[in-house]
Each structure stands twice: as C-alpha cells, then as structure tokens.
Amino acid sequence: RPATPPPFPSRVRAGAAANAMAGAVSEAKKRYIVEQLNPILEECVSDAIEAMAADPVTFMLKWMESRRVLTDEKLISGAEQDLLERENEQLEAQIKALRSTMQECAMMAALSAALEASDSEEDFDEVEEEPEQFQKNIEMSKKFRRSVSAEAFGEWNAKKVFVPPVIAKTEAQKERLRTCLSKSFLFSSLDEHDFGIIISAMKEVSVEADECVINQGEDGDFLFVIDSGEFDCIIKLPDGVEKVLKTCSSGDVLGELALLYNCPRMATVKSKGASVCWQLDRDTFNSIVREAARKKRDRYDNFLAKVPLLQSMDNYERSQLADALRFEFVTEGQTIMTQGETGTKFYIIEEGAAVASKDGQTVMEYGASDCFGELALITNRPRAATVTAKVYSKLLSIDKQTFHRLLNVNALMERSNHYTH
C-alpha cells in the first residue's frame, strides 16, 4: 500500500500562521472584541434571527447602516438638534404651502376644462339643427345611460363627478384656517391632500353680534368652523323655554350633526358678538370628511358611554364631548399623570394599557376604553395617584377648560364620592 502523502505545504503554512496569530492576540484586542464587537454582533444576529430575513447579508448591512445613523445622532449637540428641527419645520411649512398652491391650480384647471367642455357642447348644439333621427338616437342613448346609472348607484343617488369649490385665499388666511381646523375633531383624521382641499373650499364669513347663523329644525346645507368670537347653542324645549346648552369658541364646529346624519338642525346658534367663521358646503363635506368623521365620532361616543360618571349625559351632549377629545401617544413606562400634581386633563385609553400606583403601591390597572383623571377636573383636588403606561398606548384626552365648558360639573360633583380618583 502506498504511503500517505504529506500535507500540502500551503495548509501547513496556514495552520502555522493561525496558531501564531492566536498566540499573538494582545489583551487590548481581546477586550476590544469582548467590549466593542460582541455586543453589536450579538444584537445584529438576534434581530436577524427574529426577523427570519430571507437575505441575511442585506438585512445585516441595513441593520449596520441604521445603527450608524443612531450613533451619529448621538454625536449631535442639543443646539444642533434644535437648529435641524427648526429647519425641518420651515421646510415642512414650505412644502405644505406649495402643495396647497398646486392643489388649487389643479382644481382650477379641472374646473376650467369642465366649463370649456360645456361651452363646446353648447357651441356645437348651435351650429346646425340635427336631423330628427339623430335626435331620437341621442334620446335613446340618454335613457340607456340613465338606466345604467340607476342600476349601479340607485335612482336617487345618480353618480356625478365631484369638483370641489376653490376659493382664493392669502397665505395668511390659509395658515389661520389651518390652525383653526387643527383644533377640530372632524378634520383631525384627514391626510394632507384632503386637508388642502377642505382649506381651498372653505369660505370666510363675517357675523354680526346677535346674529343667528343656524336655526333649530331647518335643513342643513353647510357647517361653520369658528375662527374668532363666541356663539351660544340654544335649544327650544317642548314647553317653549329656550335653554343655552353651551358656548362655542375658536376651533369649534357648528352645524355638523345635520350633515353627518342627514337630520334637521338640533339647535339654534347665535353669535354673542362680532365674529368670523369658515363655511364648508355639504357636497365637499360629504365627499371628503363625512364617513371618516362619523366612524370616529361613533367610536369615541361608545367610549364615553362606558364612563359611569358621564352616563347621565344625553346623546347630543356626549357627541359634543366626543368632538372635543384629542389623541396623544405615550411610550412604555411613560408617566401620564403624577400623584399630588394639579389635574389638567381627563384621559380615556383607546389602545394600550396603564397602571395606577399610590405611594408606590399598585392600586388599579387600566385597559382599552377605561378612563381616569376625571375627579381631579371636577373637585380641583390634587391627583390621587400616579398613572404610568404599561405599553405603547394611544390616549384620548380633554383639557380642564373644555371639560367645564361642555359638562354640567355641578351634577357630576354629586356623584364624585363614588370614585377613587
């Protein structure tokens, strides 16, 4: 049997080099591996395993790049971060203004094209009188189109192309209107494009003192958003007595219920002094806002109906409170309110969970649709407990000023001793 051949020279040299390198690794390099490389590699590999990435190399490259970005951000000073944030805000404001201008130009172009097409049809009709048979064919064509429309969309809901109105505004007016609408529940769920359409479609209306802008029982074809001034919402009771339900101010919406639910006006709205409002027509509201706003209001109304302290409110009062709710997000472990501080907000958990602790001891846990903080707004006593988010959560809140303006606080105080905080 032939003798076993000796190892290849290259393998011998490689093995010897590896042994020599292992012996030559300094303590400094070992510490670098343990303290610097291992933590990064372990975290990267752990994330790759959790993601089960189809292409591990691409995943790890992207992971390293994101890690580098985070590291670079930590090197930026607080002053530099503030400067960058201000520059970003300015750029975002410029982009919004450009988008708004582009939307107005596009809508004006579409409207102009529609008008030109209409004029062209009229001019064509005036050129010469069509033969009788041609007229009959047109009538048959119209009947066919009507039947298709009725079949697809319902006889009383014929499909039509919606072209929103475009009312010219200065940049100052647009910014004022944007600030005003941002306070309103109805428009908070709109994306930037739809928000721009609403701003373009709204008309500025000046109101004199003691002027009724909405009358109870009438059909509603528009709503108002208050820019400045105050308005009383007055309801006429069956015995003829008029009762002021609430007073509305800047950012509040007037007359939206008739548009949301196709019902008569539920109250009369009267100005307390000279005021300015923004008016939005029914067609634009229905096409852009209605469905999203109605779903959001119904969901929030259901949350409020579960709050024992608010169960004595009627549907109209609860809907007004739902409109005033604002949402905010909190991270895991973030303190929502602190024991002993003065209460400024009432909270409802829409998504997530929180825990209440008193003097360091857990006293209550909250989940979706649970509320807390209402008694501090009613009694003006300090918060009785600290509430902390257990997970990343979405909260609905209402501030103290709005709470007192919309709710009958005296009636609620009679029941306040039934709750712990």
Protein backbone atom coordinates (compact mmCIF):
# COMPACT_ATOMS: atom_id res chain seq x y z
CA ARG A 1 0.00 0.00 0.00
CA PRO A 2 1.42 3.43 -0.93
CA ALA A 3 2.45 5.73 1.86
CA THR A 4 0.11 8.55 2.97
CA PRO A 5 1.15 11.75 1.19
CA PRO A 6 2.40 14.57 3.35
CA PRO A 7 0.19 17.62 3.95
CA PHE A 8 0.15 20.30 1.27
CA PRO A 9 2.72 22.98 2.03
CA SER A 10 0.09 25.74 1.82
CA ARG A 11 -2.06 24.07 4.51
CA VAL A 12 0.97 23.68 6.73
CA ARG A 13 1.79 27.35 6.35
CA ALA A 14 -1.84 28.44 7.01
CA GLY A 15 -2.13 26.33 10.15
CA ALA A 16 1.12 27.64 11.48
CA ALA A 17 0.06 31.23 10.77
CA ALA A 18 -3.25 30.74 12.58
CA ASN A 19 -1.52 29.31 15.63
CA ALA A 20 0.96 32.12 15.63
CA MET A 21 -1.85 34.74 15.34
CA ALA A 22 -3.81 33.16 18.18
CA GLY A 23 -0.80 33.39 20.38
CA ALA A 24 -0.09 36.93 19.29
CA VAL A 25 -3.57 38.46 20.10
CA SER A 26 -2.98 41.08 22.74
CA GLU A 27 -5.11 41.70 25.77
CA ALA A 28 -6.19 45.02 24.26
CA LYS A 29 -7.57 43.27 21.18
CA LYS A 30 -9.36 40.71 23.33
CA ARG A 31 -11.03 43.50 25.29
CA TYR A 32 -11.97 45.23 22.02
CA ILE A 33 -13.63 42.02 20.79
CA VAL A 34 -15.49 41.43 24.04
CA GLU A 35 -16.50 45.01 24.79
CA GLN A 36 -16.98 46.51 21.30
CA LEU A 37 -17.60 43.85 18.65
CA ASN A 38 -19.50 41.15 20.51
CA PRO A 39 -22.40 43.34 21.78
CA ILE A 40 -23.03 44.72 18.27
CA LEU A 41 -22.76 41.35 16.56
CA GLU A 42 -24.93 39.61 19.14
CA GLU A 43 -27.67 42.26 18.78
CA CYS A 44 -27.47 42.15 14.97
CA VAL A 45 -27.64 38.34 14.83
CA SER A 46 -30.51 38.32 17.36
CA ASP A 47 -32.53 40.77 15.24
CA ALA A 48 -31.78 38.78 12.08
CA ILE A 49 -32.98 35.56 13.72
CA GLU A 50 -36.13 37.25 15.00
CA ALA A 51 -36.87 38.70 11.54
CA MET A 52 -36.02 35.43 9.78
CA ALA A 53 -34.58 37.53 6.96
CA ALA A 54 -34.57 35.79 3.57
CA ASP A 55 -31.32 37.57 2.70
CA PRO A 56 -29.25 37.78 5.90
CA VAL A 57 -26.42 39.73 4.27
CA THR A 58 -28.72 42.52 3.03
CA PHE A 59 -30.53 42.59 6.38
CA MET A 60 -27.28 42.91 8.32
CA LEU A 61 -25.98 45.65 6.04
CA LYS A 62 -29.17 47.68 6.52
CA TRP A 63 -29.05 46.99 10.26
CA MET A 64 -25.46 48.27 10.46
CA GLU A 65 -26.39 51.40 8.49
CA SER A 66 -29.33 52.19 10.81
CA ARG A 67 -27.05 51.62 13.80
CA ARG A 68 -24.53 54.05 12.33
CA VAL A 69 -27.25 56.70 11.87
CA LEU A 70 -28.29 56.35 15.51
CA THR A 71 -24.68 56.66 16.61
CA ASP A 72 -24.20 59.80 14.51
CA GLU A 73 -27.33 61.37 16.00
CA LYS A 74 -25.92 60.93 19.50
CA LEU A 75 -22.86 62.95 18.47
CA ILE A 76 -25.01 65.96 17.50
CA SER A 77 -25.27 68.56 20.25
CA GLY A 78 -28.59 69.76 21.64
CA ALA A 79 -28.20 73.15 19.94
CA GLU A 80 -27.52 71.48 16.58
CA GLN A 81 -30.56 69.24 17.00
CA ASP A 82 -32.75 72.28 17.77
CA LEU A 83 -31.42 74.03 14.66
CA LEU A 84 -32.11 70.99 12.47
CA GLU A 85 -35.62 70.65 13.88
CA ARG A 86 -36.36 74.32 13.16
CA GLU A 87 -35.05 73.93 9.62
CA ASN A 88 -37.21 70.83 9.14
CA GLU A 89 -40.28 72.69 10.39
CA GLN A 90 -39.61 75.54 7.97
CA LEU A 91 -39.19 73.10 5.08
CA GLU A 92 -42.40 71.28 6.02
CA ALA A 93 -44.29 74.59 6.12
CA GLN A 94 -42.93 75.48 2.67
CA ILE A 95 -43.91 72.05 1.31
CA LYS A 96 -47.43 72.42 2.71
CA ALA A 97 -47.79 75.84 1.10
CA LEU A 98 -46.56 74.50 -2.26
CA ARG A 99 -48.91 71.51 -2.09
CA SER A 100 -51.83 73.77 -1.29
CA THR A 101 -50.98 76.02 -4.26
CA MET A 102 -50.61 73.01 -6.58
CA GLN A 103 -53.95 71.59 -5.43
CA GLU A 104 -55.67 74.90 -6.09
CA CYS A 105 -54.11 75.11 -9.56
CA ALA A 106 -55.13 71.51 -10.36
CA MET A 107 -58.70 72.04 -9.20
CA MET A 108 -58.98 75.33 -11.07
CA ALA A 109 -57.63 73.64 -14.21
CA ALA A 110 -60.15 70.80 -13.85
CA LEU A 111 -62.99 73.26 -13.35
CA SER A 112 -61.84 75.34 -16.33
CA ALA A 113 -61.66 72.22 -18.52
CA ALA A 114 -65.16 71.21 -17.45
CA LEU A 115 -66.51 74.67 -18.28
CA GLU A 116 -64.75 74.69 -21.67
CA ALA A 117 -66.21 71.26 -22.46
CA SER A 118 -69.65 72.52 -21.51
CA ASP A 119 -69.22 75.62 -23.70
CA SER A 120 -68.02 73.46 -26.59
CA GLU A 121 -71.11 71.28 -26.36
CA GLU A 122 -73.34 74.35 -26.36
CA ASP A 123 -71.49 75.81 -29.37
CA PHE A 124 -71.85 72.50 -31.20
CA ASP A 125 -75.56 72.48 -30.50
CA GLU A 126 -75.89 75.93 -32.07
CA VAL A 127 -74.06 75.09 -35.31
CA GLU A 128 -76.96 73.46 -37.07
CA GLU A 129 -80.16 71.64 -36.32
CA GLU A 130 -79.70 67.87 -36.16
CA PRO A 131 -81.90 65.54 -38.19
CA GLU A 132 -84.91 64.11 -36.39
CA GLN A 133 -83.49 60.57 -36.40
CA PHE A 134 -80.26 61.82 -34.84
CA GLN A 135 -82.23 63.43 -32.03
CA LYS A 136 -84.04 60.13 -31.40
CA ASN A 137 -80.74 58.30 -31.18
CA ILE A 138 -79.48 60.82 -28.61
CA GLU A 139 -82.62 60.38 -26.51
CA MET A 140 -82.22 56.60 -26.58
CA SER A 141 -78.57 56.98 -25.56
CA LYS A 142 -79.55 59.22 -22.63
CA LYS A 143 -82.16 56.73 -21.47
CA PHE A 144 -79.60 53.94 -21.61
CA ARG A 145 -77.08 55.92 -19.59
CA ARG A 146 -79.71 56.80 -17.01
CA SER A 147 -80.72 53.17 -16.61
CA VAL A 148 -77.12 52.11 -16.07
CA SER A 149 -76.65 54.88 -13.51
CA ALA A 150 -79.80 53.94 -11.64
CA GLU A 151 -78.83 50.28 -11.59
CA ALA A 152 -75.33 50.96 -10.25
CA PHE A 153 -75.95 53.82 -7.89
CA GLY A 154 -79.66 53.93 -7.13
CA GLU A 155 -82.34 56.05 -8.73
CA TRP A 156 -81.96 58.83 -6.17
CA ASN A 157 -78.18 58.67 -5.94
CA ALA A 158 -77.03 59.16 -9.51
CA LYS A 159 -73.26 59.23 -9.86
CA LYS A 160 -71.73 62.61 -10.55
CA VAL A 161 -68.20 63.90 -10.75
CA PHE A 162 -67.41 65.94 -7.66
CA VAL A 163 -65.43 69.11 -8.31
CA PRO A 164 -64.76 70.91 -5.01
CA PRO A 165 -65.04 74.69 -5.00
CA VAL A 166 -61.81 76.67 -4.93
CA ILE A 167 -61.96 79.99 -3.09
CA ALA A 168 -58.84 82.13 -3.37
CA LYS A 169 -57.10 82.92 -0.07
CA THR A 170 -53.95 84.65 1.02
CA GLU A 171 -51.20 82.64 2.68
CA ALA A 172 -52.09 84.35 5.97
CA GLN A 173 -55.72 83.22 5.63
CA LYS A 174 -54.64 79.66 4.80
CA GLU A 175 -52.37 79.50 7.83
CA ARG A 176 -55.09 80.92 10.08
CA LEU A 177 -57.60 78.41 8.72
CA ARG A 178 -55.12 75.54 9.07
CA THR A 179 -54.55 76.47 12.73
CA CYS A 180 -58.30 76.70 13.29
CA LEU A 181 -59.09 73.33 11.67
CA SER A 182 -56.28 71.56 13.52
CA LYS A 183 -58.26 72.12 16.75
CA SER A 184 -61.32 70.33 15.38
CA PHE A 185 -62.17 66.68 15.87
CA LEU A 186 -63.86 66.43 12.46
CA PHE A 187 -60.77 67.22 10.42
CA SER A 188 -58.09 65.54 12.54
CA SER A 189 -58.24 62.26 10.57
CA LEU A 190 -57.72 63.85 7.12
CA ASP A 191 -54.49 63.33 5.20
CA GLU A 192 -52.56 66.30 3.83
CA HIS A 193 -54.17 66.14 0.39
CA ASP A 194 -57.76 66.13 1.68
CA PHE A 195 -56.88 68.77 4.25
CA GLY A 196 -55.72 71.03 1.43
CA ILE A 197 -58.99 70.50 -0.49
CA ILE A 198 -61.02 71.47 2.58
CA ILE A 199 -58.95 74.62 3.12
CA SER A 200 -59.43 75.63 -0.52
CA ALA A 201 -63.19 75.02 -0.40
CA MET A 202 -64.00 76.97 2.77
CA LYS A 203 -65.44 80.48 2.61
CA GLU A 204 -64.79 83.20 5.16
CA VAL A 205 -68.00 84.63 6.67
CA SER A 206 -68.24 87.70 8.92
CA VAL A 207 -71.02 87.53 11.53
CA GLU A 208 -72.56 90.45 13.38
CA ALA A 209 -73.45 90.44 17.06
CA ASP A 210 -76.70 88.62 17.99
CA GLU A 211 -76.97 87.08 14.52
CA CYS A 212 -78.48 83.57 14.18
CA VAL A 213 -76.32 81.57 11.78
CA ILE A 214 -78.22 78.29 12.32
CA ASN A 215 -81.89 77.76 13.24
CA GLN A 216 -83.26 74.72 15.06
CA GLY A 217 -85.41 72.47 12.84
CA GLU A 218 -84.10 73.69 9.50
CA ASP A 219 -82.32 71.53 6.94
CA GLY A 220 -78.57 71.96 6.92
CA ASP A 221 -76.52 72.57 3.78
CA PHE A 222 -73.31 73.76 5.42
CA LEU A 223 -71.31 73.85 8.62
CA PHE A 224 -69.20 76.54 10.26
CA VAL A 225 -65.81 76.39 11.95
CA ILE A 226 -65.32 79.32 14.33
CA ASP A 227 -62.24 81.41 13.65
CA SER A 228 -62.88 84.13 16.23
CA GLY A 229 -65.72 85.11 18.55
CA GLU A 230 -68.23 83.15 20.63
CA PHE A 231 -71.59 81.54 19.84
CA ASP A 232 -74.38 80.26 22.09
CA CYS A 233 -76.02 76.94 21.15
CA ILE A 234 -79.67 77.30 22.15
CA ILE A 235 -82.30 74.55 22.18
CA LYS A 236 -86.02 75.18 22.37
CA LEU A 237 -87.71 72.77 24.79
CA PRO A 238 -91.24 71.34 24.21
CA ASP A 239 -92.70 73.87 26.68
CA GLY A 240 -91.26 76.72 24.59
CA VAL A 241 -88.47 77.61 27.00
CA GLU A 242 -85.10 78.27 25.39
CA LYS A 243 -82.02 76.80 27.06
CA VAL A 244 -78.38 77.60 26.32
CA LEU A 245 -76.62 74.24 26.04
CA LYS A 246 -73.10 75.55 25.65
CA THR A 247 -70.97 78.38 24.34
CA CYS A 248 -68.60 77.66 21.46
CA SER A 249 -65.37 79.47 20.64
CA SER A 250 -62.41 79.36 18.24
CA GLY A 251 -61.87 75.94 16.66
CA ASP A 252 -65.35 74.62 17.50
CA VAL A 253 -67.62 73.29 14.74
CA LEU A 254 -71.23 74.42 14.31
CA GLY A 255 -73.96 72.56 12.44
CA GLU A 256 -72.07 69.37 11.67
CA LEU A 257 -74.73 66.97 13.02
CA ALA A 258 -77.19 67.80 10.23
CA LEU A 259 -74.51 66.95 7.66
CA LEU A 260 -73.21 63.84 9.43
CA TYR A 261 -76.60 62.20 9.98
CA ASN A 262 -78.89 63.93 7.42
CA CYS A 263 -81.15 65.27 10.15
CA PRO A 264 -82.66 68.72 10.86
CA ARG A 265 -80.69 71.26 12.85
CA MET A 266 -80.79 70.26 16.53
CA ALA A 267 -80.18 73.72 17.97
CA THR A 268 -80.14 77.41 17.15
CA VAL A 269 -76.70 79.03 17.08
CA LYS A 270 -76.44 82.72 17.84
CA SER A 271 -73.37 84.96 17.95
CA LYS A 272 -72.54 86.76 21.18
CA GLY A 273 -70.53 89.43 19.40
CA ALA A 274 -68.89 90.24 16.09
CA SER A 275 -67.29 87.02 14.87
CA VAL A 276 -65.59 85.33 11.92
CA CYS A 277 -66.37 81.78 10.72
CA TRP A 278 -65.32 79.49 7.90
CA GLN A 279 -68.20 77.90 5.99
CA LEU A 280 -67.99 74.47 4.31
CA ASP A 281 -70.68 73.24 1.89
CA ARG A 282 -72.46 69.89 2.21
CA ASP A 283 -71.10 68.37 -1.04
CA THR A 284 -67.46 68.94 -0.10
CA PHE A 285 -68.09 67.73 3.44
CA ASN A 286 -69.83 64.55 2.23
CA SER A 287 -67.14 63.77 -0.33
CA ILE A 288 -64.10 64.40 1.86
CA VAL A 289 -64.95 64.38 5.57
CA ARG A 290 -68.24 62.71 6.42
CA GLU A 291 -67.59 58.97 6.54
CA ALA A 292 -64.28 59.15 8.40
CA ALA A 293 -65.66 61.71 10.87
CA ARG A 294 -68.84 59.74 11.55
CA LYS A 295 -66.97 56.50 12.26
CA LYS A 296 -64.56 58.33 14.56
CA ARG A 297 -67.34 60.13 16.44
CA ASP A 298 -69.36 56.92 16.90
CA ARG A 299 -66.30 55.09 18.25
CA TYR A 300 -65.49 57.87 20.72
CA ASP A 301 -69.14 58.17 21.72
CA ASN A 302 -69.14 54.46 22.61
CA PHE A 303 -66.07 55.02 24.81
CA LEU A 304 -67.78 57.87 26.65
CA ALA A 305 -71.00 55.88 27.12
CA LYS A 306 -69.00 53.37 29.22
CA VAL A 307 -67.76 56.03 31.65
CA PRO A 308 -70.02 55.80 34.76
CA LEU A 309 -69.51 59.46 35.57
CA LEU A 310 -70.88 60.52 32.15
CA GLN A 311 -73.84 58.14 31.84
CA SER A 312 -76.35 60.86 32.72
CA MET A 313 -75.44 62.80 29.57
CA ASP A 314 -77.77 62.57 26.55
CA ASN A 315 -76.58 61.63 23.07
CA TYR A 316 -76.20 65.23 21.92
CA GLU A 317 -74.12 66.27 24.93
CA ARG A 318 -71.96 63.16 24.60
CA SER A 319 -71.39 63.82 20.89
CA GLN A 320 -70.19 67.34 21.71
CA LEU A 321 -67.77 65.92 24.27
CA ALA A 322 -66.57 63.34 21.72
CA ASP A 323 -65.74 66.18 19.32
CA ALA A 324 -63.53 67.80 21.94
CA LEU A 325 -61.38 64.70 22.55
CA ARG A 326 -57.77 64.88 21.39
CA PHE A 327 -55.47 61.89 20.96
CA GLU A 328 -51.90 61.56 22.17
CA PHE A 329 -49.38 58.73 22.30
CA VAL A 330 -47.30 57.56 25.27
CA THR A 331 -44.44 55.08 25.35
CA GLU A 332 -43.97 52.13 27.70
CA GLY A 333 -43.09 53.34 31.19
CA GLN A 334 -44.02 56.97 30.50
CA THR A 335 -45.79 58.81 33.31
CA ILE A 336 -49.19 60.10 32.24
CA MET A 337 -50.05 61.88 35.48
CA THR A 338 -48.35 62.18 38.86
CA GLN A 339 -49.76 61.84 42.38
CA GLY A 340 -50.08 65.21 44.07
CA GLU A 341 -49.98 67.38 40.94
CA THR A 342 -52.86 69.63 39.87
CA GLY A 343 -55.11 67.88 37.37
CA THR A 344 -55.37 69.45 33.90
CA LYS A 345 -56.68 66.57 31.76
CA PHE A 346 -59.17 63.69 31.76
CA TYR A 347 -57.99 60.55 29.91
CA ILE A 348 -59.51 57.56 28.11
CA ILE A 349 -57.35 54.69 26.84
CA GLU A 350 -58.21 53.97 23.21
CA GLU A 351 -55.43 51.42 22.71
CA GLY A 352 -52.92 50.02 25.20
CA ALA A 353 -52.78 49.68 28.98
CA ALA A 354 -51.73 51.64 32.07
CA VAL A 355 -51.29 51.11 35.81
CA ALA A 356 -52.13 53.43 38.72
CA SER A 357 -50.00 53.49 41.84
CA LYS A 358 -50.44 55.33 45.14
CA ASP A 359 -47.48 55.88 47.43
CA GLY A 360 -45.55 53.33 45.37
CA GLN A 361 -48.24 50.60 45.60
CA THR A 362 -50.28 49.46 42.59
CA VAL A 363 -53.96 50.24 43.16
CA MET A 364 -55.54 49.91 39.69
CA GLU A 365 -54.88 48.65 36.17
CA TYR A 366 -56.48 50.14 33.05
CA GLY A 367 -57.16 48.76 29.59
CA ALA A 368 -58.85 49.88 26.38
CA SER A 369 -61.91 52.17 26.97
CA ASP A 370 -61.01 52.71 30.66
CA CYS A 371 -60.80 56.32 31.88
CA PHE A 372 -59.01 58.13 34.68
CA GLY A 373 -58.35 61.64 35.94
CA GLU A 374 -61.93 62.93 35.81
CA LEU A 375 -62.31 63.68 39.52
CA ALA A 376 -59.30 65.99 39.61
CA LEU A 377 -61.03 68.10 36.98
CA ILE A 378 -64.28 68.20 38.96
CA THR A 379 -63.05 68.71 42.51
CA ASN A 380 -59.83 70.69 41.87
CA ARG A 381 -58.05 68.36 44.31
CA PRO A 382 -54.52 67.11 43.52
CA ARG A 383 -54.15 63.83 41.65
CA ALA A 384 -54.77 60.92 44.00
CA ALA A 385 -52.47 58.51 42.13
CA THR A 386 -49.70 58.24 39.58
CA VAL A 387 -50.63 56.59 36.27
CA THR A 388 -47.94 55.05 34.06
CA ALA A 389 -48.24 53.43 30.61
CA LYS A 390 -47.60 49.67 30.68
CA VAL A 391 -47.14 49.52 26.90
CA TYR A 392 -47.07 51.94 23.98
CA SER A 393 -50.60 53.40 24.13
CA LYS A 394 -52.97 55.78 22.37
CA LEU A 395 -54.91 58.04 24.73
CA LEU A 396 -57.90 60.31 24.27
CA SER A 397 -57.86 63.40 26.45
CA ILE A 398 -59.86 66.52 27.18
CA ASP A 399 -58.48 69.58 28.94
CA LYS A 400 -59.93 71.21 32.04
CA GLN A 401 -61.24 74.34 30.33
CA THR A 402 -63.17 72.37 27.69
CA PHE A 403 -64.36 69.88 30.32
CA HIS A 404 -66.01 72.64 32.37
CA ARG A 405 -67.39 74.39 29.29
CA LEU A 406 -69.15 71.31 27.92
CA LEU A 407 -70.23 69.42 31.04
CA ASN A 408 -72.63 70.15 33.87
CA VAL A 409 -69.95 69.95 36.54
CA ASN A 410 -72.31 70.53 39.47
CA ALA A 411 -74.34 67.44 38.56
CA LEU A 412 -71.19 65.39 38.18
CA MET A 413 -69.85 66.51 41.58
CA GLU A 414 -72.85 64.94 43.30
CA ARG A 415 -71.59 61.54 42.18
CA SER A 416 -67.86 62.18 42.60
CA ASN A 417 -67.63 60.49 46.02
CA HIS A 418 -68.38 57.13 44.37
CA TYR A 419 -64.99 57.03 42.63
CA THR A 420 -61.46 56.81 43.91
CA HIS A 421 -59.78 59.44 41.71
